[in-house]
């Protein structure tokens, strides 16, 4: 899924993955340590570690490097 702003990413993660009825008790973000956290601590964690502009840009950069390494040469 694609989001236009860091605040949209945060809103999605907080409501869809950190909601009272869905929060699993730990962060499931790829590469994140699976520490047990209270739900409100998780919301703060999301904002600080995963949904800041810098964190999202770093993730995009890492994803671009990963995809570039996985591309197969063209047979043209």
C-alpha atoms as a PDB file:
ATOM      1  CA  UNK A   1       0.000   0.000   0.000  1.00  0.00           C
ATOM      2  CA  UNK A   2       1.248   3.483  -0.838  1.00  0.00           C
ATOM      3  CA  UNK A   3       0.798   6.598   1.309  1.00  0.00           C
ATOM      4  CA  UNK A   4       1.423  10.222   0.382  1.00  0.00           C
ATOM      5  CA  UNK A   5       2.654  11.461   3.775  1.00  0.00           C
ATOM      6  CA  UNK A   6       4.285  10.102   6.946  1.00  0.00           C
ATOM      7  CA  UNK A   7       1.145  11.051   8.870  1.00  0.00           C
ATOM      8  CA  UNK A   8      -0.925   8.785   6.609  1.00  0.00           C
ATOM      9  CA  UNK A   9       1.454   5.895   7.323  1.00  0.00           C
ATOM     10  CA  UNK A  10       1.211   6.579  11.049  1.00  0.00           C
ATOM     11  CA  UNK A  11      -2.591   6.829  10.985  1.00  0.00           C
ATOM     12  CA  UNK A  12      -2.867   3.538   9.085  1.00  0.00           C
ATOM     13  CA  UNK A  13      -0.433   1.700  11.370  1.00  0.00           C
ATOM     14  CA  UNK A  14      -1.969   3.096  14.563  1.00  0.00           C
ATOM     15  CA  UNK A  15      -5.571   2.361  13.611  1.00  0.00           C
ATOM     16  CA  UNK A  16      -5.210  -0.863  11.619  1.00  0.00           C
ATOM     17  CA  UNK A  17      -2.418  -2.502  13.619  1.00  0.00           C
ATOM     18  CA  UNK A  18      -2.500  -0.699  16.970  1.00  0.00           C
ATOM     19  CA  UNK A  19      -6.219  -0.553  17.580  1.00  0.00           C
ATOM     20  CA  UNK A  20      -7.660  -1.838  20.844  1.00  0.00           C
ATOM     21  CA  UNK A  21      -9.132  -4.956  19.232  1.00  0.00           C
ATOM     22  CA  UNK A  22      -6.256  -5.788  16.873  1.00  0.00           C
ATOM     23  CA  UNK A  23      -2.971  -4.914  18.612  1.00  0.00           C
ATOM     24  CA  UNK A  24      -0.962  -8.156  19.078  1.00  0.00           C
ATOM     25  CA  UNK A  25       1.186  -6.856  21.973  1.00  0.00           C
ATOM     26  CA  UNK A  26       4.361  -6.234  19.996  1.00  0.00           C
ATOM     27  CA  UNK A  27       5.548  -4.408  16.920  1.00  0.00           C
ATOM     28  CA  UNK A  28       5.393  -6.555  13.788  1.00  0.00           C
ATOM     29  CA  UNK A  29       7.192  -4.073  11.525  1.00  0.00           C
ATOM     30  CA  UNK A  30       9.751  -5.981   9.455  1.00  0.00           C
ATOM     31  CA  UNK A  31      13.166  -5.876  11.117  1.00  0.00           C
ATOM     32  CA  UNK A  32      11.866  -4.572  14.448  1.00  0.00           C
ATOM     33  CA  UNK A  33      12.677  -6.308  17.729  1.00  0.00           C
ATOM     34  CA  UNK A  34       9.560  -8.161  18.960  1.00  0.00           C
ATOM     35  CA  UNK A  35       9.447  -6.615  22.450  1.00  0.00           C
ATOM     36  CA  UNK A  36       6.187  -6.756  24.374  1.00  0.00           C
ATOM     37  CA  UNK A  37       4.726  -3.240  24.630  1.00  0.00           C
ATOM     38  CA  UNK A  38       1.580  -1.729  26.047  1.00  0.00           C
ATOM     39  CA  UNK A  39      -0.637  -0.385  23.279  1.00  0.00           C
ATOM     40  CA  UNK A  40       0.047   3.301  23.976  1.00  0.00           C
ATOM     41  CA  UNK A  41       3.771   2.601  24.175  1.00  0.00           C
ATOM     42  CA  UNK A  42       3.455   0.923  20.781  1.00  0.00           C
ATOM     43  CA  UNK A  43       1.781   4.031  19.327  1.00  0.00           C
ATOM     44  CA  UNK A  44       4.683   6.178  20.545  1.00  0.00           C
ATOM     45  CA  UNK A  45       7.144   3.585  19.208  1.00  0.00           C
ATOM     46  CA  UNK A  46       5.466   3.699  15.781  1.00  0.00           C
ATOM     47  CA  UNK A  47       5.676   7.452  15.649  1.00  0.00           C
ATOM     48  CA  UNK A  48       9.298   7.628  16.818  1.00  0.00           C
ATOM     49  CA  UNK A  49      10.878   4.625  15.079  1.00  0.00           C
ATOM     50  CA  UNK A  50       8.847   3.818  11.983  1.00  0.00           C
ATOM     51  CA  UNK A  51       6.667   6.732  10.884  1.00  0.00           C
ATOM     52  CA  UNK A  52       9.013   9.678  11.034  1.00  0.00           C
ATOM     53  CA  UNK A  53       9.969  11.217   7.706  1.00  0.00           C
ATOM     54  CA  UNK A  54      13.591  10.086   8.127  1.00  0.00           C
ATOM     55  CA  UNK A  55      12.626   6.504   9.028  1.00  0.00           C
ATOM     56  CA  UNK A  56      10.306   6.225   6.046  1.00  0.00           C
ATOM     57  CA  UNK A  57      12.878   7.668   3.645  1.00  0.00           C
ATOM     58  CA  UNK A  58      15.481   5.217   4.967  1.00  0.00           C
ATOM     59  CA  UNK A  59      13.020   2.362   4.418  1.00  0.00           C
ATOM     60  CA  UNK A  60      12.331   3.479   0.855  1.00  0.00           C
ATOM     61  CA  UNK A  61      16.039   3.729   0.129  1.00  0.00           C
ATOM     62  CA  UNK A  62      16.637   0.248   1.563  1.00  0.00           C
ATOM     63  CA  UNK A  63      13.711  -1.151  -0.437  1.00  0.00           C
ATOM     64  CA  UNK A  64      15.010   0.417  -3.658  1.00  0.00           C
ATOM     65  CA  UNK A  65      18.440  -1.126  -3.112  1.00  0.00           C
ATOM     66  CA  UNK A  66      16.860  -4.512  -2.411  1.00  0.00           C
ATOM     67  CA  UNK A  67      14.720  -4.391  -5.532  1.00  0.00           C
ATOM     68  CA  UNK A  68      17.637  -3.297  -7.695  1.00  0.00           C
ATOM     69  CA  UNK A  69      19.611  -6.320  -6.516  1.00  0.00           C
ATOM     70  CA  UNK A  70      16.728  -8.697  -7.252  1.00  0.00           C
ATOM     71  CA  UNK A  71      16.098  -7.629 -10.839  1.00  0.00           C
ATOM     72  CA  UNK A  72      16.877 -10.196 -13.489  1.00  0.00           C
ATOM     73  CA  UNK A  73      18.666  -9.097 -16.651  1.00  0.00           C
ATOM     74  CA  UNK A  74      16.473  -8.632 -19.696  1.00  0.00           C
ATOM     75  CA  UNK A  75      16.720 -11.156 -22.548  1.00  0.00           C
ATOM     76  CA  UNK A  76      16.243  -8.459 -25.214  1.00  0.00           C
END
